[in-house]
């Protein structure tokens, strides 16, 4: 089969990369191993390259902001149409490219992230799947951010696209429920967690912590977006007991705090790094924090658990569905600084006491059970072929 994915955040040499893009990358590589053909349409790169090969995956980085929508956004009265125009123009570019790709090699199915391509929902030329990753509108609505008329108009078109999809996929039940509430309809949706390669995992070994010498490594990785909870994490680190300050090292990857953190000398800020570099950071970490104000089913939870780390995460969106229960990870009340500080304290004390092995092993076992890439793709193909 020839699969085509449309996801702006697919990993590439330059440009914004996100969890949905990482999902498509993992899924695509496995499909190629199974002798399927894969084409990806994603966000533009800094050098305006029109296509490149990612191994056996053909990638077209063409999606980006349109100048006309930028200028319309500056004009009173009609600025309300700026996002809709950008959505329609990018959709037309995607639809035209899909026709070109299809003329070379017939496309069997297209998987779009969330709102997809309005033109294909009108013509119905290509069979398509809408994968719910969380739209800009949905994140704003569920994280207390202001929603403007431009957001609402764009989301109405996205709803039409989702409603007409042959299949709707989501990594969690929570996102399905949220989108169904937005649309006021029942969706033909299937819930399948994100796929993880669980064949070659490092064995979980007992942490040897040496007082006054070793450091407990705490990792926070996200895009540079306040909805990911970076400021909440900084606030919680300010109120944890000072007796831990010499024992911890906290690495931020991708998120740059708005507030001054120079007084917290155990925090180190890093730019966004490629997936292979971030994987090394996961292996070194002891605790992974996912403090999202709102989220879907963030890949960072999966990555942390598959590496056998203690997860401290916000009880919001689809995160509780991934973790399962308190035997697999520590959930804190959404947006609650004190509860996050308490759960961080619990995690640190688990490591200091040497009693962290059970939680870490449970976390890894949980992900192996729900997210094995082989079982995951088998289930996906079953629904696609129906």
Protein backbone atom coordinates (compact mmCIF):
# COMPACT_ATOMS: atom_id res chain seq x y z
CA UNK A 1 0.00 0.00 0.00
CA UNK A 2 0.99 3.61 -0.54
CA UNK A 3 0.43 5.69 2.60
CA UNK A 4 0.58 9.47 2.62
CA UNK A 5 0.82 11.51 5.82
CA UNK A 6 0.13 15.24 6.13
CA UNK A 7 1.73 16.52 9.36
CA UNK A 8 3.42 19.90 9.69
CA UNK A 9 5.76 18.86 12.54
CA UNK A 10 7.45 15.86 10.89
CA UNK A 11 11.17 15.66 11.89
CA UNK A 12 13.39 17.38 9.31
CA UNK A 13 16.72 19.26 9.26
CA UNK A 14 15.05 22.60 10.12
CA UNK A 15 11.62 23.81 11.18
CA UNK A 16 9.33 23.16 14.15
CA UNK A 17 9.06 19.50 15.18
CA UNK A 18 6.32 18.14 17.45
CA UNK A 19 4.99 14.99 19.07
CA UNK A 20 2.56 14.35 16.20
CA UNK A 21 5.50 14.53 13.80
CA UNK A 22 7.47 12.06 15.92
CA UNK A 23 4.49 9.70 15.82
CA UNK A 24 4.34 9.90 11.99
CA UNK A 25 8.10 9.31 11.82
CA UNK A 26 7.93 6.14 13.94
CA UNK A 27 4.84 4.87 12.14
CA UNK A 28 6.28 5.58 8.68
CA UNK A 29 9.57 3.81 9.35
CA UNK A 30 7.72 0.70 10.51
CA UNK A 31 5.47 0.75 7.43
CA UNK A 32 8.56 0.92 5.20
CA UNK A 33 10.01 -2.10 7.02
CA UNK A 34 6.76 -3.90 6.15
CA UNK A 35 7.35 -3.07 2.44
CA UNK A 36 4.74 -0.32 2.19
CA UNK A 37 5.47 2.97 0.43
CA UNK A 38 5.29 6.18 2.45
CA UNK A 39 5.11 9.84 1.41
CA UNK A 40 4.99 12.71 3.91
CA UNK A 41 3.87 16.32 3.41
CA UNK A 42 5.12 18.57 6.22
CA UNK A 43 6.12 22.08 7.26
CA UNK A 44 8.60 24.16 5.30
CA UNK A 45 12.33 24.16 5.99
CA UNK A 46 14.54 27.22 6.42
CA UNK A 47 16.22 26.71 3.02
CA UNK A 48 12.92 26.17 1.14
CA UNK A 49 13.89 22.69 -0.04
CA UNK A 50 10.89 21.28 -1.94
CA UNK A 51 11.56 17.58 -1.27
CA UNK A 52 14.06 15.19 0.29
CA UNK A 53 14.44 11.52 1.14
CA UNK A 54 14.34 10.41 4.77
CA UNK A 55 15.64 6.92 4.16
CA UNK A 56 12.95 5.30 2.01
CA UNK A 57 10.37 7.95 2.97
CA UNK A 58 9.80 10.72 0.42
CA UNK A 59 9.18 14.05 2.20
CA UNK A 60 7.69 17.25 0.77
CA UNK A 61 8.16 20.22 3.18
CA UNK A 62 5.68 22.69 1.67
CA UNK A 63 3.29 23.80 4.46
CA UNK A 64 3.83 27.29 5.84
CA UNK A 65 2.22 30.65 6.65
CA UNK A 66 0.83 32.47 3.62
CA UNK A 67 1.76 36.16 3.15
CA UNK A 68 -1.75 37.13 2.11
CA UNK A 69 -3.22 35.79 5.37
CA UNK A 70 -0.56 37.73 7.30
CA UNK A 71 -1.56 41.02 5.64
CA UNK A 72 -5.28 40.31 6.01
CA UNK A 73 -4.61 39.72 9.71
CA UNK A 74 -3.47 43.34 9.96
CA UNK A 75 -6.64 44.84 8.46
CA UNK A 76 -9.58 45.61 10.79
CA UNK A 77 -12.93 43.93 10.03
CA UNK A 78 -11.56 41.36 7.54
CA UNK A 79 -8.77 40.11 9.84
CA UNK A 80 -11.30 37.58 11.14
CA UNK A 81 -10.76 35.63 7.88
CA UNK A 82 -6.94 35.48 8.11
CA UNK A 83 -6.65 31.97 9.58
CA UNK A 84 -9.37 30.58 7.33
CA UNK A 85 -7.60 31.91 4.23
CA UNK A 86 -4.28 30.46 5.37
CA UNK A 87 -5.99 27.11 5.99
CA UNK A 88 -7.65 27.10 2.56
CA UNK A 89 -4.53 28.17 0.62
CA UNK A 90 -2.29 25.64 2.35
CA UNK A 91 -5.00 23.04 1.82
CA UNK A 92 -5.09 23.81 -1.90
CA UNK A 93 -1.30 23.43 -2.11
CA UNK A 94 -1.51 20.09 -0.30
CA UNK A 95 -4.40 18.90 -2.47
CA UNK A 96 -2.54 19.85 -5.69
CA UNK A 97 0.58 18.03 -4.53
CA UNK A 98 -1.45 14.96 -3.59
CA UNK A 99 -2.82 14.85 -7.12
CA UNK A 100 0.72 15.06 -8.50
CA UNK A 101 1.95 12.28 -6.17
CA UNK A 102 -1.07 10.15 -7.04
CA UNK A 103 -0.34 10.49 -10.79
CA UNK A 104 3.08 8.95 -10.18
CA UNK A 105 2.07 6.31 -7.64
CA UNK A 106 -1.55 5.72 -6.64
CA UNK A 107 -2.24 6.76 -3.03
CA UNK A 108 -4.24 4.19 -1.06
CA UNK A 109 -4.92 6.23 2.05
CA UNK A 110 -4.00 9.66 3.46
CA UNK A 111 -3.68 10.33 7.18
CA UNK A 112 -3.99 13.99 8.15
CA UNK A 113 -3.35 15.50 11.54
CA UNK A 114 -6.64 16.81 12.94
CA UNK A 115 -8.16 19.43 10.58
CA UNK A 116 -6.39 18.31 7.43
CA UNK A 117 -7.27 19.55 3.96
CA UNK A 118 -10.69 21.09 3.36
CA UNK A 119 -10.50 20.50 -0.42
CA UNK A 120 -10.21 16.73 -0.12
CA UNK A 121 -13.20 16.70 2.21
CA UNK A 122 -15.18 18.45 -0.55
CA UNK A 123 -14.05 16.40 -3.55
CA UNK A 124 -13.60 13.11 -1.65
CA UNK A 125 -11.07 12.09 -4.29
CA UNK A 126 -8.78 10.43 -1.77
CA UNK A 127 -9.73 8.13 1.08
CA UNK A 128 -8.55 9.83 4.26
CA UNK A 129 -8.13 9.46 8.00
CA UNK A 130 -8.24 12.31 10.51
CA UNK A 131 -5.87 11.71 13.42
CA UNK A 132 -6.80 13.80 16.46
CA UNK A 133 -3.65 15.40 17.84
CA UNK A 134 -5.20 18.54 19.32
CA UNK A 135 -5.93 21.65 17.24
CA UNK A 136 -4.85 25.18 18.11
CA UNK A 137 -8.50 25.92 18.98
CA UNK A 138 -8.78 22.88 21.26
CA UNK A 139 -5.57 23.72 23.13
CA UNK A 140 -6.64 27.34 23.59
CA UNK A 141 -10.12 26.34 24.78
CA UNK A 142 -8.78 23.88 27.34
CA UNK A 143 -5.86 25.93 28.67
CA UNK A 144 -7.64 29.20 29.39
CA UNK A 145 -6.26 31.11 26.40
CA UNK A 146 -8.31 33.67 24.52
CA UNK A 147 -10.21 32.36 21.49
CA UNK A 148 -10.93 34.90 18.73
CA UNK A 149 -13.41 34.82 15.85
CA UNK A 150 -10.61 33.82 13.45
CA UNK A 151 -9.99 30.67 15.55
CA UNK A 152 -13.70 29.79 15.49
CA UNK A 153 -14.08 30.19 11.71
CA UNK A 154 -11.02 28.05 11.00
CA UNK A 155 -12.22 25.37 13.42
CA UNK A 156 -15.63 25.19 11.69
CA UNK A 157 -13.87 24.13 8.46
CA UNK A 158 -11.74 21.64 10.38
CA UNK A 159 -14.88 20.16 11.93
CA UNK A 160 -16.34 19.65 8.45
CA UNK A 161 -13.14 17.83 7.42
CA UNK A 162 -13.19 15.58 10.52
CA UNK A 163 -16.90 14.81 10.14
CA UNK A 164 -16.34 13.56 6.57
CA UNK A 165 -13.32 11.39 7.34
CA UNK A 166 -13.60 7.70 6.55
CA UNK A 167 -11.97 6.99 9.90
CA UNK A 168 -11.00 9.09 12.92
CA UNK A 169 -8.06 7.92 15.01
CA UNK A 170 -6.97 9.22 18.40
CA UNK A 171 -4.29 8.17 20.90
CA UNK A 172 -6.74 8.71 23.77
CA UNK A 173 -10.43 8.69 24.66
CA UNK A 174 -10.17 12.14 26.22
CA UNK A 175 -9.44 13.87 22.89
CA UNK A 176 -12.29 12.05 21.14
CA UNK A 177 -14.70 13.24 23.83
CA UNK A 178 -13.43 16.83 23.60
CA UNK A 179 -13.78 16.99 19.80
CA UNK A 180 -17.20 15.31 19.89
CA UNK A 181 -18.31 17.95 22.40
CA UNK A 182 -16.98 20.71 20.12
CA UNK A 183 -18.77 19.27 17.08
CA UNK A 184 -21.90 18.05 18.90
CA UNK A 185 -21.72 14.76 16.94
CA UNK A 186 -20.66 11.17 17.59
CA UNK A 187 -17.51 10.35 15.61
CA UNK A 188 -16.53 7.09 13.93
CA UNK A 189 -13.41 7.04 16.09
CA UNK A 190 -10.94 4.38 17.14
CA UNK A 191 -8.53 4.88 20.06
CA UNK A 192 -5.02 3.50 19.52
CA UNK A 193 -2.06 4.71 21.64
CA UNK A 194 1.03 6.01 19.88
CA UNK A 195 3.45 3.33 18.61
CA UNK A 196 6.76 2.68 20.38
CA UNK A 197 9.58 0.36 19.35
CA UNK A 198 9.92 -1.84 22.45
CA UNK A 199 12.20 -4.55 21.01
CA UNK A 200 15.58 -3.17 22.07
CA UNK A 201 15.16 -1.65 25.50
CA UNK A 202 17.90 -1.04 28.01
CA UNK A 203 17.61 -3.17 31.13
CA UNK A 204 16.48 -1.16 34.14
CA UNK A 205 19.23 -1.19 36.74
CA UNK A 206 19.25 -0.03 40.33
CA UNK A 207 20.24 3.61 40.73
CA UNK A 208 23.41 4.03 42.79
CA UNK A 209 23.06 7.42 44.42
CA UNK A 210 26.11 8.68 46.32
CA UNK A 211 25.28 11.57 48.70
CA UNK A 212 27.26 14.80 48.08
CA UNK A 213 28.56 13.35 44.79
CA UNK A 214 25.74 12.00 42.58
CA UNK A 215 22.96 14.09 41.07
CA UNK A 216 19.35 13.13 40.49
CA UNK A 217 18.68 14.12 36.87
CA UNK A 218 15.26 15.65 36.17
CA UNK A 219 14.21 16.12 32.54
CA UNK A 220 11.59 18.41 30.98
CA UNK A 221 11.32 18.38 27.17
CA UNK A 222 8.74 20.28 25.12
CA UNK A 223 8.27 22.83 22.39
CA UNK A 224 8.64 26.46 23.48
CA UNK A 225 4.95 26.88 24.37
CA UNK A 226 3.54 27.97 27.72
CA UNK A 227 0.73 25.37 27.49
CA UNK A 228 3.39 22.71 28.14
CA UNK A 229 3.69 23.95 31.73
CA UNK A 230 7.30 25.11 31.89
CA UNK A 231 6.51 28.07 34.15
CA UNK A 232 4.52 25.81 36.46
CA UNK A 233 7.55 23.54 36.77
CA UNK A 234 9.85 26.47 37.60
CA UNK A 235 7.37 27.68 40.24
CA UNK A 236 7.26 24.21 41.81
CA UNK A 237 11.06 23.94 41.88
CA UNK A 238 11.16 27.19 43.83
CA UNK A 239 9.11 25.69 46.66
CA UNK A 240 10.56 22.18 47.00
CA UNK A 241 12.69 21.75 50.10
CA UNK A 242 16.10 23.42 49.88
CA UNK A 243 17.65 20.20 51.22
CA UNK A 244 17.25 18.74 47.70
CA UNK A 245 18.91 21.61 45.83
CA UNK A 246 22.42 20.12 45.97
CA UNK A 247 21.11 16.69 44.97
CA UNK A 248 19.27 17.57 41.75
CA UNK A 249 20.08 18.74 38.24
CA UNK A 250 17.15 19.87 36.07
CA UNK A 251 17.47 20.00 32.27
CA UNK A 252 14.98 21.92 30.14
CA UNK A 253 15.03 20.92 26.46
CA UNK A 254 13.18 23.12 23.95
CA UNK A 255 11.43 25.39 26.45
CA UNK A 256 12.94 28.70 27.54
CA UNK A 257 11.34 30.02 30.78
CA UNK A 258 9.86 33.50 30.72
CA UNK A 259 10.84 34.13 34.33
CA UNK A 260 14.41 34.61 35.47
CA UNK A 261 15.86 31.29 36.69
CA UNK A 262 19.40 32.49 37.46
CA UNK A 263 18.75 31.98 41.18
CA UNK A 264 18.03 28.28 40.53
CA UNK A 265 21.55 27.18 39.66
CA UNK A 266 20.53 23.54 39.31
CA UNK A 267 18.45 24.35 36.17
CA UNK A 268 20.14 24.15 32.77
CA UNK A 269 18.34 25.43 29.65
CA UNK A 270 18.97 23.72 26.31
CA UNK A 271 17.69 24.49 22.82
CA UNK A 272 15.43 22.02 21.03
CA UNK A 273 17.55 19.02 20.00
CA UNK A 274 17.09 16.20 17.44
CA UNK A 275 15.35 13.01 18.54
CA UNK A 276 18.57 10.98 18.79
CA UNK A 277 20.13 13.54 21.15
CA UNK A 278 16.98 13.74 23.24
CA UNK A 279 16.94 9.94 23.53
CA UNK A 280 20.39 10.14 25.15
CA UNK A 281 19.02 12.69 27.63
CA UNK A 282 16.13 10.32 28.48
CA UNK A 283 18.58 7.50 29.18
CA UNK A 284 20.55 9.74 31.55
CA UNK A 285 17.46 11.07 33.37
CA UNK A 286 16.02 9.70 36.60
CA UNK A 287 12.76 11.67 36.64
CA UNK A 288 10.79 13.01 33.66
CA UNK A 289 8.27 15.79 34.24
CA UNK A 290 5.30 16.49 31.96
CA UNK A 291 3.62 19.52 33.63
CA UNK A 292 1.20 20.35 30.77
CA UNK A 293 -1.62 22.83 31.41
CA UNK A 294 -3.46 20.86 28.72
CA UNK A 295 -2.32 18.05 26.43
CA UNK A 296 -3.45 15.20 24.25
CA UNK A 297 -1.27 12.12 24.71
CA UNK A 298 2.26 13.59 24.73
CA UNK A 299 5.03 11.45 23.32
CA UNK A 300 7.26 12.55 26.18
CA UNK A 301 5.22 10.37 28.55
CA UNK A 302 5.73 7.34 26.30
CA UNK A 303 9.46 8.05 25.91
CA UNK A 304 9.95 8.43 29.65
CA UNK A 305 8.06 5.24 30.51
CA UNK A 306 9.67 3.11 27.82
CA UNK A 307 13.06 4.16 29.20
CA UNK A 308 11.98 3.12 32.70
CA UNK A 309 11.98 6.57 34.28
CA UNK A 310 9.88 7.93 37.12
CA UNK A 311 7.16 10.01 35.48
CA UNK A 312 5.67 13.05 37.23
CA UNK A 313 2.84 14.29 35.01
CA UNK A 314 -0.23 16.48 34.93
CA UNK A 315 -3.54 14.66 35.28
CA UNK A 316 -5.02 16.25 32.17
CA UNK A 317 -6.17 15.20 28.70
CA UNK A 318 -5.01 11.73 27.70
CA UNK A 319 -2.05 11.55 30.10
CA UNK A 320 -3.85 9.50 32.79
CA UNK A 321 -4.84 6.96 30.10
CA UNK A 322 -1.18 6.38 29.24
CA UNK A 323 0.09 6.12 32.82
CA UNK A 324 -2.82 3.99 34.01
CA UNK A 325 -2.53 4.24 37.79
CA UNK A 326 -0.17 5.29 40.59
CA UNK A 327 1.82 2.07 40.34
CA UNK A 328 3.19 3.28 36.97
CA UNK A 329 3.76 6.99 37.55
CA UNK A 330 2.93 10.03 39.69
CA UNK A 331 0.05 12.24 38.56
CA UNK A 332 -0.49 15.71 40.03
CA UNK A 333 -3.59 17.91 39.93
CA UNK A 334 -3.61 19.98 36.75
CA UNK A 335 -2.04 23.46 37.16
CA UNK A 336 -1.51 22.93 40.90
CA UNK A 337 1.99 24.15 41.81
CA UNK A 338 1.94 22.73 45.32
CA UNK A 339 0.79 19.28 44.20
CA UNK A 340 3.50 19.22 41.51
CA UNK A 341 6.11 20.15 44.13
CA UNK A 342 4.80 17.38 46.40
CA UNK A 343 4.96 14.76 43.62
CA UNK A 344 8.47 15.87 42.67
CA UNK A 345 9.45 15.49 46.31
CA UNK A 346 7.96 11.98 46.37
CA UNK A 347 9.93 11.05 43.24
CA UNK A 348 13.21 12.43 44.60
CA UNK A 349 12.74 10.65 47.91
CA UNK A 350 12.01 7.36 46.11
CA UNK A 351 15.42 7.56 44.43
CA UNK A 352 17.24 8.68 47.56
CA UNK A 353 15.72 5.74 49.49
CA UNK A 354 16.59 3.25 46.74
CA UNK A 355 12.94 2.24 46.40
CA UNK A 356 12.41 3.44 42.82
CA UNK A 357 12.81 0.13 40.94
CA UNK A 358 9.22 -1.10 41.21
CA UNK A 359 7.72 2.11 39.81
CA UNK A 360 10.26 2.26 36.97
CA UNK A 361 9.73 -1.36 35.95
CA UNK A 362 5.96 -0.94 36.09
CA UNK A 363 6.17 2.12 33.84
CA UNK A 364 8.16 0.27 31.19
CA UNK A 365 5.90 -2.78 31.36
CA UNK A 366 2.83 -0.57 30.95
CA UNK A 367 4.12 0.97 27.70
CA UNK A 368 5.21 -2.40 26.32
CA UNK A 369 1.65 -3.63 26.90
CA UNK A 370 -0.22 -0.70 25.33
CA UNK A 371 2.15 0.77 22.72
CA UNK A 372 4.23 -1.99 21.08
CA UNK A 373 4.71 -0.76 17.50
CA UNK A 374 4.08 -4.20 16.00
CA UNK A 375 0.69 -4.65 17.72
CA UNK A 376 -0.11 -0.98 17.25
CA UNK A 377 0.33 -1.01 13.47
CA UNK A 378 -1.45 -4.35 13.18
CA UNK A 379 -4.51 -2.73 14.78
CA UNK A 380 -4.21 0.37 12.59
CA UNK A 381 -4.04 -1.66 9.38
CA UNK A 382 -7.03 -3.70 10.48
CA UNK A 383 -9.19 -0.58 10.71
CA UNK A 384 -7.75 0.94 7.52
CA UNK A 385 -8.49 -2.19 5.47
CA UNK A 386 -12.10 -2.48 6.67
